[in-house]
Protein backbone atom coordinates (compact mmCIF):
# COMPACT_ATOMS: atom_id res chain seq x y z
CA MET A 1 49.12 84.57 170.88
CA ARG A 2 48.84 80.82 170.48
CA PHE A 3 52.16 80.77 168.60
CA ASN A 4 53.95 82.61 171.42
CA PHE A 5 52.51 80.24 174.03
CA ALA A 6 53.47 77.19 171.95
CA LEU A 7 56.99 78.56 171.46
CA LEU A 8 57.37 79.29 175.18
CA LEU A 9 56.05 75.85 176.10
CA GLY A 10 58.42 74.22 173.56
CA LEU A 11 61.44 76.08 174.96
CA ALA A 12 60.52 75.13 178.53
CA PHE A 13 60.13 71.47 177.54
CA ALA A 14 63.47 71.48 175.67
CA THR A 15 65.22 72.93 178.72
CA VAL A 16 63.81 70.21 180.98
CA VAL A 17 64.59 67.42 178.51
CA HIS A 18 68.20 68.55 178.03
CA ALA A 19 68.91 69.34 181.67
CA GLN A 20 71.63 67.06 182.95
CA THR A 21 72.47 66.16 186.49
CA GLY A 22 74.85 63.58 187.93
CA PRO A 23 78.56 63.08 187.39
CA CYS A 24 78.60 62.31 183.63
CA THR A 25 77.34 65.47 181.98
CA GLU A 26 78.43 66.93 178.65
CA SER A 27 80.36 69.69 180.42
CA VAL A 28 82.25 67.20 182.61
CA VAL A 29 83.25 65.09 179.59
CA LYS A 30 84.28 68.19 177.63
CA LYS A 31 86.70 69.21 180.41
CA GLY A 32 88.45 65.84 180.08
CA GLY A 33 90.86 64.21 182.49
CA LEU A 34 88.32 61.66 183.69
CA PRO A 35 89.65 58.59 185.49
CA ILE A 36 89.67 55.19 183.80
CA ALA A 37 87.65 52.46 185.49
CA ASP A 38 89.56 49.40 186.73
CA LYS A 39 87.56 47.13 184.40
CA ALA A 40 87.60 49.46 181.39
CA PHE A 41 87.59 47.99 177.87
CA THR A 42 90.22 49.45 175.52
CA HIS A 43 90.93 48.66 171.89
CA MET A 44 93.68 50.39 169.94
CA ALA A 45 95.43 49.24 166.78
CA ALA A 46 98.77 49.64 168.58
CA PHE A 47 97.80 46.98 171.13
CA ASN A 48 96.94 44.36 168.48
CA ARG A 49 94.16 43.03 170.71
CA PRO A 50 91.43 44.34 173.03
CA MET A 51 92.27 44.96 176.69
CA SER A 52 89.62 44.33 179.33
CA THR A 53 91.20 46.05 182.34
CA LYS A 54 92.91 49.35 183.05
CA ALA A 55 96.03 47.51 184.27
CA ALA A 56 96.29 45.45 181.06
CA ALA A 57 95.94 48.57 178.88
CA GLN A 58 98.55 50.45 180.92
CA GLU A 59 101.00 47.54 180.60
CA ALA A 60 100.39 47.30 176.83
CA ALA A 61 100.85 51.07 176.50
CA LYS A 62 104.26 50.91 178.22
CA GLU A 63 105.49 48.59 175.49
CA ALA A 64 103.63 50.08 172.52
CA PHE A 65 104.42 53.74 173.27
CA ALA A 66 107.81 53.53 175.01
CA ASP A 67 109.63 55.16 172.09
CA ARG A 68 107.10 57.97 171.59
CA ILE A 69 107.81 61.46 172.93
CA ASN A 70 106.18 64.87 172.47
CA ARG A 71 102.78 63.23 172.10
CA LYS A 72 99.93 65.59 171.19
CA PHE A 73 96.22 64.92 170.77
CA GLU A 74 93.77 67.43 169.31
CA TRP A 75 90.10 66.95 168.48
CA ALA A 76 88.96 67.78 164.96
CA GLY A 77 85.77 69.72 164.35
CA ASP A 78 83.54 66.63 164.31
CA ARG A 79 83.74 65.87 168.06
CA VAL A 80 80.38 64.94 169.57
CA ILE A 81 79.59 64.60 173.28
CA GLY A 82 76.30 63.25 174.55
CA ALA A 83 74.94 62.31 177.94
CA VAL A 84 71.74 60.87 179.32
CA PRO A 85 69.67 63.39 181.32
CA SER A 86 70.36 61.56 184.60
CA GLY A 87 74.12 61.94 184.11
CA ASP A 88 74.68 58.20 184.65
CA MET A 89 76.31 57.67 181.26
CA ALA A 90 77.90 59.73 178.51
CA TYR A 91 79.83 59.22 175.30
CA GLU A 92 82.27 61.09 173.13
CA HIS A 93 83.28 60.39 169.54
CA GLY A 94 84.94 62.04 166.60
CA THR A 95 88.26 62.40 164.87
CA MET A 96 91.44 63.20 166.73
CA HIS A 97 94.71 64.42 165.26
CA VAL A 98 97.61 62.58 166.90
CA SER A 99 101.29 63.43 166.59
CA TYR A 100 104.49 62.31 168.25
CA ASP A 101 108.23 61.97 167.72
CA THR A 102 110.15 58.73 168.05
CA ARG A 103 113.04 58.92 170.45
CA SER A 104 115.12 56.27 168.63
CA ASP A 105 115.28 57.96 165.22
CA GLY A 106 113.95 61.47 165.86
CA LYS A 107 111.25 61.16 163.19
CA HIS A 108 107.95 63.01 163.48
CA HIS A 109 104.71 61.06 162.98
CA SER A 110 101.15 62.30 162.67
CA PHE A 111 97.83 60.76 161.77
CA ASP A 112 94.10 61.13 162.27
CA ALA A 113 92.17 58.52 164.23
CA VAL A 114 88.53 57.83 164.90
CA MET A 115 87.74 57.85 168.61
CA LEU A 116 84.91 56.56 170.78
CA MET A 117 84.81 56.79 174.56
CA VAL A 118 82.01 55.70 176.87
CA TYR A 119 81.66 57.03 180.43
CA GLN A 120 79.67 55.72 183.37
CA ALA A 121 78.98 57.15 186.80
CA LYS A 122 80.46 55.41 189.81
CA GLY A 123 79.21 57.20 192.87
CA PRO A 124 79.97 60.91 192.44
CA THR A 125 82.64 60.27 189.78
CA CYS A 126 82.38 59.89 186.02
CA GLN A 127 84.75 57.18 184.77
CA GLN A 128 85.80 56.06 181.32
CA VAL A 129 84.57 52.48 180.92
CA ALA A 130 85.31 51.86 177.23
CA SER A 131 87.44 53.41 174.51
CA THR A 132 88.55 52.74 170.97
CA MET A 133 91.08 54.51 168.80
CA TYR A 134 91.66 53.49 165.22
CA PRO A 135 93.92 55.30 162.74
CA LEU A 136 92.05 56.41 159.63
CA GLU A 137 94.89 55.27 157.38
CA HIS A 138 93.94 51.67 158.26
CA THR A 139 90.31 51.99 157.21
CA VAL A 140 89.01 50.54 153.96
CA LYS A 141 87.96 53.16 151.44
């Protein structure tokens, strides 16, 4: 009898602890398509330097990715999404498979990259405030 009560109490506590409200919940992040904050930090190997605003990252992307077409991004099995119970902040990390073709020579490229994104609530919206993407082929083994 005590075991059943303890189990029931433990399940009730776990439900309360993991309950998420607010705009940045695990389910919201999993759906994707979240807006990027105006002052978002972005660092990608293709940019050669960190970007501290959405506008700067978009401008760098125009140059760095102009020749890339048929771009595809797919999460590997190690994707993790977490959020604070209040839904004020969330994160996502893991490995993503990236592929694209280059318009100029028609070659196909693919690689795996480690990803980290951080999200923060702004009013009723969850926005991406920081992101990094680094190809695994560049890491030291």
